[in-house]
Every structure is written in structure tokens, then in C-alpha cells.
Protein backbone atom coordinates (compact mmCIF):
# COMPACT_ATOMS: atom_id res chain seq x y z
CA UNK A 1 20.73 -136.67 -77.82
CA UNK A 2 17.82 -138.88 -78.89
CA UNK A 3 15.87 -137.82 -75.81
CA UNK A 4 16.31 -134.13 -76.64
CA UNK A 5 15.09 -134.65 -80.21
CA UNK A 6 12.13 -136.66 -78.95
CA UNK A 7 11.23 -133.95 -76.42
CA UNK A 8 11.44 -131.26 -79.12
CA UNK A 9 9.20 -133.27 -81.46
CA UNK A 10 6.64 -133.82 -78.71
CA UNK A 11 6.71 -130.11 -77.83
CA UNK A 12 6.20 -129.10 -81.47
CA UNK A 13 3.34 -131.56 -81.92
CA UNK A 14 1.65 -130.41 -78.72
CA UNK A 15 1.83 -126.78 -79.82
CA UNK A 16 0.49 -127.48 -83.32
CA UNK A 17 -2.35 -129.62 -81.98
CA UNK A 18 -3.37 -126.88 -79.57
CA UNK A 19 -3.03 -124.12 -82.17
CA UNK A 20 -5.44 -125.81 -84.55
CA UNK A 21 -7.92 -127.09 -81.99
CA UNK A 22 -11.55 -126.46 -82.79
CA UNK A 23 -14.68 -126.40 -80.70
CA UNK A 24 -18.18 -127.62 -81.55
CA UNK A 25 -21.24 -126.23 -79.77
CA UNK A 26 -24.62 -127.98 -80.04
CA UNK A 27 -28.08 -126.50 -79.51
CA UNK A 28 -31.00 -128.08 -77.75
CA UNK A 29 -33.49 -129.98 -79.94
CA UNK A 30 -35.54 -127.76 -82.25
CA UNK A 31 -38.95 -129.10 -83.31
CA UNK A 32 -40.84 -128.42 -86.53
CA UNK A 33 -44.51 -129.37 -86.25
CA UNK A 34 -45.72 -128.08 -89.61
CA UNK A 35 -43.76 -128.50 -92.87
CA UNK A 36 -43.10 -125.04 -94.33
CA UNK A 37 -40.46 -122.42 -95.10
CA UNK A 38 -38.37 -121.60 -92.03
CA UNK A 39 -35.67 -119.25 -90.83
CA UNK A 40 -33.15 -119.85 -88.06
CA UNK A 41 -32.57 -117.35 -85.29
CA UNK A 42 -29.53 -118.09 -83.12
CA UNK A 43 -27.32 -116.21 -80.70
CA UNK A 44 -23.92 -117.31 -81.98
CA UNK A 45 -21.14 -116.09 -79.73
CA UNK A 46 -17.43 -116.48 -79.14
CA UNK A 47 -14.93 -114.76 -76.88
CA UNK A 48 -12.87 -113.68 -79.91
CA UNK A 49 -13.28 -112.88 -83.58
CA UNK A 50 -14.07 -116.25 -85.11
CA UNK A 51 -15.24 -118.08 -88.21
CA UNK A 52 -18.07 -120.50 -87.49
CA UNK A 53 -19.61 -123.17 -89.67
CA UNK A 54 -23.28 -123.44 -88.71
CA UNK A 55 -24.93 -126.72 -89.68
CA UNK A 56 -28.53 -127.77 -89.16
CA UNK A 57 -29.15 -131.51 -88.85
CA UNK A 58 -32.40 -133.45 -88.89
CA UNK A 59 -32.54 -136.03 -86.12
CA UNK A 60 -34.15 -139.40 -86.83
CA UNK A 61 -36.10 -141.30 -84.16
CA UNK A 62 -33.05 -143.51 -83.54
CA UNK A 63 -30.82 -140.43 -83.00
CA UNK A 64 -29.00 -140.42 -86.35
CA UNK A 65 -28.17 -136.93 -87.65
CA UNK A 66 -28.42 -135.90 -91.32
CA UNK A 67 -27.15 -132.49 -92.45
CA UNK A 68 -29.85 -130.37 -94.14
CA UNK A 69 -28.19 -126.94 -94.20
CA UNK A 70 -24.75 -125.42 -93.68
CA UNK A 71 -23.26 -121.92 -93.90
CA UNK A 72 -20.15 -120.10 -92.71
CA UNK A 73 -20.36 -116.88 -90.70
CA UNK A 74 -17.79 -114.53 -89.22
CA UNK A 75 -18.54 -113.30 -85.72
CA UNK A 76 -17.06 -110.89 -83.22
CA UNK A 77 -17.29 -110.95 -79.42
CA UNK A 78 -20.19 -108.49 -79.69
CA UNK A 79 -22.13 -110.34 -82.42
CA UNK A 80 -25.88 -110.06 -82.28
CA UNK A 81 -28.35 -112.84 -83.11
CA UNK A 82 -28.10 -114.33 -86.57
CA UNK A 83 -31.14 -114.75 -88.85
CA UNK A 84 -30.70 -117.23 -91.69
CA UNK A 85 -33.30 -118.31 -94.21
CA UNK A 86 -33.31 -122.12 -94.35
CA UNK A 87 -35.99 -122.85 -96.92
CA UNK A 88 -38.42 -125.75 -96.63
CA UNK A 89 -38.20 -128.01 -93.58
CA UNK A 90 -40.20 -131.18 -92.99
CA UNK A 91 -41.82 -132.03 -89.68
CA UNK A 92 -39.36 -133.43 -87.20
CA UNK A 93 -36.56 -132.73 -84.77
CA UNK A 94 -33.50 -130.67 -85.67
CA UNK A 95 -30.15 -129.89 -84.03
CA UNK A 96 -27.93 -126.85 -84.73
CA UNK A 97 -24.17 -127.30 -84.48
CA UNK A 98 -21.56 -124.57 -84.62
CA UNK A 99 -18.00 -125.57 -85.50
CA UNK A 100 -15.74 -122.81 -84.17
CA UNK A 101 -12.13 -122.28 -85.25
CA UNK A 102 -11.33 -121.13 -81.73
CA UNK A 103 -11.55 -122.92 -78.41
CA UNK A 104 -15.00 -121.81 -77.25
CA UNK A 105 -18.34 -120.43 -78.35
CA UNK A 106 -22.05 -121.10 -78.32
CA UNK A 107 -25.17 -121.29 -80.47
CA UNK A 108 -27.84 -120.74 -77.82
CA UNK A 109 -30.54 -119.69 -77.68
CA UNK A 110 -31.63 -121.02 -81.07
CA UNK A 111 -35.10 -121.24 -82.59
CA UNK A 112 -36.82 -121.98 -85.88
CA UNK A 113 -39.53 -119.61 -87.12
CA UNK A 114 -41.98 -120.28 -89.90
CA UNK A 115 -41.81 -117.77 -92.75
CA UNK A 116 -45.24 -116.61 -93.93
């Protein structure tokens, strides 16, 4: 009897862990050479309708990431590129991460464009 209860608990836990699994996609390094106002252009995609938290991080020379911007977007399998105004960015290296509710997705290609 104890074995059956244990098997049922493991099965329930396995299902709940899988049901709430998330996926994080990371872009290549994005470089800002001149401090200015910037916008982000990214092809955010997923195989299903999904809610994605997009976060832009600055990357220090030792590889430490610091969040500088974050927003939530809803996408569909046929989503087109996303343009987001970021505001002022300093010179340096940046990384875009997309935290997907589902089990797959991507944030490439991604680029930063100076706003004139």
C-alpha cells in the first residue's frame, strides 16, 4: 500500500513539474558603442501562443549580468519582430533573455538601434 501511495505522489509531482516548466532563450551579445537612446528589435518566437518576459541585461567585463530593462509580451506562432523603446543605454555589452511560459522559443535575431 505504501508503494502505491509513493508511486502516485511521484507521478503527481512529475506531472506538475512538467506542466509548469519554463524555457529561457538567450541572444548573442549586443554591443553599444555610443551612449544614446536605443530601441530593441527582436524576432521573438514560440511554437504556441505564449507569454514571454523579455529582459535586457548589461554584461560586465567579468561576465556578471545586471538587468536594465524588462517587459512582458504575448506572442503567437506567427508573431512578427518586436520593436521596443529602451531609453538611454551606456556603452557596453548587452544580452537579451526571453523567459517563456512554454517549453520552447527564441529571441533571435536581436539588435539594438540608436534612436535619432
